[in-house]
Amino acid sequence: IAEPTGMQDIDKDAKQMSINFTLSIFKVLLGRTYNENIWIDTVLNDAVTETYKDAGVTESSYTWHLSKNLTLFDVYDTLLRLERFRDNEEYADAVKQSIAVVSKYFEEDGTRSALFKDRIRIGEIIDSDLIICSFGMAGKSPQSVDEVQLALMQLSAAQLSHQRSIFSKSQGKFNFKLWEEFQRWGKFPDSDKTLGVALTGGRKLGDVNIIITNVVKELLDDDRFGIFGNITSFLAGAIGDEKVRAEFCDRLSIPK
């Protein structure tokens, strides 16, 4: 659970935010398996709840500091212990399925065991002058990227983005976010959620979002990111297509 920012309207939701993010990660790791068994949602919620309970974390914010050293590996260890619920066959089967899928990330000899070993602490996010989230998409198409890996990158970027926003506001600072190569990563699944939250929620937190793209037409054709509804200033370079120029000016009420 994130450290208090001093802003009550944000701090009161810190535990639930942490729970939601943890559940989201495991849902991503489970992929299609999560949707194929309705009991898995219950299993994941139980694993997270029991992990906090074992650490002494309750609904009282005075206990939230006890979660400081908890990691995804603790949730996985709790998941292993849930196998004891043999009285409910469907529940036990969901636990087994969950473990079978995510074990490669958390067992020492798992094929993806290196993914979560280097922990990022909240202090590193707060105190850094610059954070770069690189998706490593150079020369790759959306179809060629592992969907789980891509979803994890987007989820992590969204979380880093939000944490930077709330702590910048608590310190009375502006948080500048530069979304570069938008024409590339904007095509990936669920990228609209990453940017959409940053634009709408970040505005209230004092964010300054700078979006760079060299394919303006794609934004005009499908503004699923809500950019034109949230834009406050803009800088347009040379747009060779006359129709695109005209529509761009019309959408932003630029006198022709």
Protein backbone atom coordinates (compact mmCIF):
# COMPACT_ATOMS: atom_id res chain seq x y z
CA ILE A 1 0.00 0.00 0.00
CA ALA A 2 1.42 3.36 -1.03
CA GLU A 3 2.70 5.76 1.59
CA PRO A 4 0.29 8.55 2.64
CA THR A 5 0.37 11.63 0.46
CA GLY A 6 -1.29 13.87 3.03
CA MET A 7 -4.37 14.27 0.80
CA GLN A 8 -7.25 12.52 2.53
CA ASP A 9 -9.38 12.07 -0.58
CA ILE A 10 -6.55 10.04 -2.15
CA ASP A 11 -5.09 8.33 0.91
CA LYS A 12 -8.42 6.82 1.97
CA ASP A 13 -8.49 4.70 -1.19
CA ALA A 14 -4.84 3.56 -1.02
CA LYS A 15 -5.59 0.03 0.17
CA GLN A 16 -8.30 -0.58 -2.41
CA MET A 17 -6.06 0.82 -5.13
CA SER A 18 -3.34 -1.62 -4.11
CA ILE A 19 -5.79 -4.53 -4.10
CA ASN A 20 -7.13 -3.61 -7.52
CA PHE A 21 -3.65 -3.32 -9.03
CA THR A 22 -2.54 -6.65 -7.55
CA LEU A 23 -5.66 -8.40 -8.82
CA SER A 24 -5.16 -6.84 -12.25
CA ILE A 25 -1.63 -8.22 -12.48
CA PHE A 26 -2.74 -11.76 -11.66
CA LYS A 27 -5.65 -11.51 -14.09
CA VAL A 28 -3.19 -10.54 -16.81
CA LEU A 29 -0.87 -13.42 -15.91
CA LEU A 30 -3.75 -15.87 -16.04
CA GLY A 31 -4.86 -14.60 -19.44
CA ARG A 32 -7.65 -16.62 -21.03
CA THR A 33 -7.71 -19.04 -18.08
CA TYR A 34 -9.21 -16.29 -15.92
CA ASN A 35 -12.28 -16.05 -18.17
CA GLU A 36 -12.69 -19.80 -18.55
CA ASN A 37 -13.33 -20.54 -14.88
CA ILE A 38 -15.69 -18.31 -12.85
CA TRP A 39 -14.20 -19.58 -9.58
CA ILE A 40 -10.79 -18.08 -10.31
CA ASP A 41 -11.99 -14.56 -9.51
CA THR A 42 -12.98 -15.77 -6.03
CA VAL A 43 -9.65 -17.56 -5.62
CA LEU A 44 -7.65 -14.44 -6.52
CA ASN A 45 -9.64 -12.23 -4.17
CA ASP A 46 -9.16 -14.77 -1.36
CA ALA A 47 -5.41 -14.97 -2.02
CA VAL A 48 -4.98 -11.18 -1.82
CA THR A 49 -7.29 -10.81 1.19
CA GLU A 50 -5.54 -13.59 3.12
CA THR A 51 -2.12 -12.13 2.31
CA TYR A 52 -3.05 -8.80 3.87
CA LYS A 53 -4.76 -10.53 6.79
CA ASP A 54 -1.68 -12.64 7.55
CA ALA A 55 0.42 -9.45 7.58
CA GLY A 56 -1.96 -7.80 10.07
CA VAL A 57 -3.37 -5.32 7.57
CA THR A 58 -7.00 -4.38 8.23
CA GLU A 59 -9.38 -1.66 7.05
CA SER A 60 -7.77 0.69 9.56
CA SER A 61 -5.20 2.90 7.84
CA TYR A 62 -3.02 2.65 10.96
CA THR A 63 -2.19 -0.94 9.95
CA TRP A 64 -1.42 -0.27 6.30
CA HIS A 65 2.29 0.26 6.94
CA LEU A 66 2.48 -3.48 7.72
CA SER A 67 2.17 -4.16 3.99
CA LYS A 68 5.46 -2.41 3.25
CA ASN A 69 7.44 -5.57 2.46
CA LEU A 70 4.68 -7.57 0.79
CA THR A 71 5.21 -8.60 -2.84
CA LEU A 72 3.44 -10.60 -5.52
CA PHE A 73 5.43 -13.60 -4.30
CA ASP A 74 3.56 -13.42 -0.97
CA VAL A 75 0.26 -13.57 -2.81
CA TYR A 76 1.51 -16.59 -4.75
CA ASP A 77 2.55 -18.31 -1.49
CA THR A 78 -0.95 -17.70 -0.15
CA LEU A 79 -2.37 -19.15 -3.35
CA LEU A 80 -0.40 -22.32 -2.71
CA ARG A 81 -1.93 -22.58 0.76
CA LEU A 82 -5.45 -22.25 -0.63
CA GLU A 83 -5.11 -25.77 -2.01
CA ARG A 84 -6.21 -26.99 1.40
CA PHE A 85 -9.85 -26.17 0.56
CA ARG A 86 -10.66 -29.66 -0.65
CA ASP A 87 -14.30 -29.58 0.52
CA ASN A 88 -15.23 -27.51 -2.55
CA GLU A 89 -14.09 -29.35 -5.64
CA GLU A 90 -14.72 -26.45 -8.05
CA TYR A 91 -12.81 -24.03 -5.82
CA ALA A 92 -9.90 -26.45 -5.43
CA ASP A 93 -9.80 -26.97 -9.19
CA ALA A 94 -9.67 -23.20 -9.77
CA VAL A 95 -6.76 -22.95 -7.35
CA LYS A 96 -4.90 -25.71 -9.19
CA GLN A 97 -5.51 -24.04 -12.56
CA SER A 98 -4.30 -20.68 -11.23
CA ILE A 99 -1.13 -22.17 -9.81
CA ALA A 100 -0.43 -24.14 -12.98
CA VAL A 101 -0.54 -20.96 -15.07
CA VAL A 102 1.26 -18.44 -12.84
CA SER A 103 3.86 -20.75 -11.25
CA LYS A 104 6.32 -20.02 -14.09
CA TYR A 105 6.53 -16.44 -12.82
CA PHE A 106 7.01 -17.21 -9.12
CA GLU A 107 8.76 -20.57 -8.77
CA GLU A 108 12.54 -20.32 -8.57
CA ASP A 109 13.07 -22.45 -11.65
CA GLY A 110 10.12 -21.01 -13.57
CA THR A 111 10.65 -19.99 -17.19
CA ARG A 112 9.53 -16.41 -16.41
CA SER A 113 10.90 -16.28 -12.85
CA ALA A 114 13.06 -13.22 -13.53
CA LEU A 115 10.10 -10.99 -14.38
CA PHE A 116 9.18 -9.83 -10.85
CA LYS A 117 12.50 -10.28 -9.03
CA ASP A 118 13.69 -6.67 -9.31
CA ARG A 119 11.24 -4.79 -7.15
CA ILE A 120 10.53 -1.10 -7.75
CA ARG A 121 9.90 0.77 -4.52
CA ILE A 122 7.50 3.66 -4.33
CA GLY A 123 10.26 6.02 -3.17
CA GLU A 124 12.11 5.50 -6.43
CA ILE A 125 9.03 6.60 -8.35
CA ILE A 126 8.41 9.64 -6.17
CA ASP A 127 11.95 10.98 -6.01
CA SER A 128 13.13 10.41 -9.57
CA ASP A 129 13.48 13.45 -11.80
CA LEU A 130 12.75 11.36 -14.88
CA ILE A 131 11.07 8.00 -15.44
CA ILE A 132 11.17 6.35 -18.86
CA CYS A 133 8.68 3.60 -19.71
CA SER A 134 10.00 1.92 -22.82
CA PHE A 135 7.83 -0.76 -24.38
CA GLY A 136 10.66 -1.90 -26.64
CA MET A 137 8.36 -1.91 -29.64
CA ALA A 138 10.87 -0.75 -32.25
CA GLY A 139 10.38 -2.77 -35.42
CA LYS A 140 7.53 -4.82 -33.93
CA SER A 141 3.85 -5.03 -34.80
CA PRO A 142 1.06 -5.56 -32.26
CA GLN A 143 0.57 -9.07 -33.62
CA SER A 144 4.19 -10.06 -32.96
CA VAL A 145 4.23 -9.15 -29.26
CA ASP A 146 3.28 -11.58 -26.50
CA GLU A 147 -0.13 -10.38 -25.31
CA VAL A 148 0.57 -11.07 -21.62
CA GLN A 149 3.88 -9.21 -21.73
CA LEU A 150 2.26 -6.28 -23.53
CA ALA A 151 -0.62 -6.10 -21.05
CA LEU A 152 1.85 -6.14 -18.14
CA MET A 153 3.82 -3.27 -19.67
CA GLN A 154 0.70 -1.20 -20.14
CA LEU A 155 -0.60 -1.97 -16.66
CA SER A 156 2.74 -1.06 -15.10
CA ALA A 157 2.98 2.15 -17.13
CA ALA A 158 -0.51 3.13 -15.99
CA GLN A 159 0.38 2.47 -12.35
CA LEU A 160 3.68 4.37 -12.54
CA SER A 161 1.88 7.22 -14.25
CA HIS A 162 -0.79 7.44 -11.55
CA GLN A 163 1.65 7.24 -8.66
CA ARG A 164 3.73 10.04 -10.13
CA SER A 165 0.60 12.15 -10.52
CA ILE A 166 -0.70 11.84 -6.97
CA PHE A 167 2.67 12.39 -5.30
CA SER A 168 3.51 15.33 -7.53
CA LYS A 169 0.22 16.95 -6.52
CA SER A 170 0.87 16.27 -2.84
CA GLN A 171 4.19 18.11 -3.17
CA GLY A 172 2.64 21.01 -5.05
CA LYS A 173 4.44 20.17 -8.30
CA PHE A 174 3.41 19.71 -11.90
CA ASN A 175 4.02 16.29 -13.42
CA PHE A 176 4.97 16.37 -17.10
CA LYS A 177 4.21 13.24 -19.13
CA LEU A 178 5.55 12.89 -22.64
CA TRP A 179 3.78 10.26 -24.75
CA GLU A 180 6.23 9.79 -27.61
CA GLU A 181 5.79 7.65 -30.74
CA PHE A 182 2.05 7.70 -30.12
CA GLN A 183 1.31 6.45 -33.62
CA ARG A 184 3.04 3.17 -32.69
CA TRP A 185 2.04 2.20 -29.16
CA GLY A 186 -1.41 3.75 -29.53
CA LYS A 187 -2.33 0.84 -31.78
CA PHE A 188 -1.77 -1.79 -29.13
CA PRO A 189 -4.80 -3.30 -27.35
CA ASP A 190 -6.06 -1.33 -24.32
CA SER A 191 -3.63 1.54 -24.92
CA ASP A 192 -6.67 3.82 -24.85
CA LYS A 193 -7.19 2.93 -21.18
CA THR A 194 -3.62 3.89 -20.31
CA LEU A 195 -3.82 7.28 -21.97
CA GLY A 196 -7.51 7.91 -21.30
CA VAL A 197 -7.06 7.72 -17.53
CA ALA A 198 -3.93 9.85 -17.72
CA LEU A 199 -5.78 12.58 -19.62
CA THR A 200 -9.05 12.69 -17.68
CA GLY A 201 -7.81 11.83 -14.18
CA GLY A 202 -4.44 13.51 -14.56
CA ARG A 203 -5.98 16.85 -15.38
CA LYS A 204 -7.44 17.02 -11.87
CA LEU A 205 -4.05 16.14 -10.40
CA GLY A 206 -2.14 18.85 -12.22
CA ASP A 207 -0.62 16.70 -14.96
CA VAL A 208 0.75 18.17 -18.15
CA ASN A 209 0.38 15.55 -20.90
CA ILE A 210 2.32 16.05 -24.11
CA ILE A 211 1.37 13.69 -26.95
CA ILE A 212 3.59 13.39 -30.01
CA THR A 213 2.41 11.73 -33.21
CA ASN A 214 3.20 12.06 -36.88
CA VAL A 215 -0.06 10.46 -38.04
CA VAL A 216 -2.72 13.04 -37.24
CA LYS A 217 -5.29 11.40 -39.51
CA GLU A 218 -5.56 8.36 -37.24
CA LEU A 219 -6.61 10.60 -34.34
CA LEU A 220 -9.19 12.32 -36.51
CA ASP A 221 -10.66 9.04 -37.76
CA ASP A 222 -11.06 7.48 -34.33
CA ASP A 223 -10.48 9.63 -31.27
CA ARG A 224 -10.89 6.71 -28.88
CA PHE A 225 -8.36 8.31 -26.56
CA GLY A 226 -10.51 11.40 -26.03
CA ILE A 227 -7.63 13.69 -26.98
CA PHE A 228 -9.70 16.29 -28.79
CA GLY A 229 -12.07 16.52 -25.86
CA ASN A 230 -9.24 17.20 -23.42
CA ILE A 231 -6.71 19.17 -25.45
CA THR A 232 -5.86 22.67 -24.18
CA SER A 233 -3.00 23.63 -26.51
CA PHE A 234 -1.38 22.21 -29.60
CA LEU A 235 1.50 22.54 -32.01
CA ALA A 236 1.00 21.28 -35.56
CA GLY A 237 3.84 20.63 -37.96
CA ALA A 238 3.56 20.30 -41.71
CA ILE A 239 0.49 18.27 -42.71
CA GLY A 240 0.72 17.47 -46.40
CA ASP A 241 -2.81 16.17 -46.86
CA GLU A 242 -5.19 19.06 -47.54
CA LYS A 243 -8.25 17.18 -46.26
CA VAL A 244 -6.48 16.24 -43.02
CA ARG A 245 -5.40 19.87 -42.52
CA ALA A 246 -8.95 21.08 -43.03
CA GLU A 247 -10.47 18.55 -40.63
CA PHE A 248 -7.75 19.18 -38.06
CA CYS A 249 -8.46 22.92 -38.13
CA ASP A 250 -12.18 22.31 -37.97
CA ARG A 251 -11.94 19.97 -34.96
CA LEU A 252 -9.86 22.51 -33.04
CA SER A 253 -11.80 25.57 -34.22
CA ILE A 254 -8.77 27.09 -35.90
CA PRO A 255 -9.74 29.97 -38.22
CA LYS A 256 -9.01 29.02 -41.82
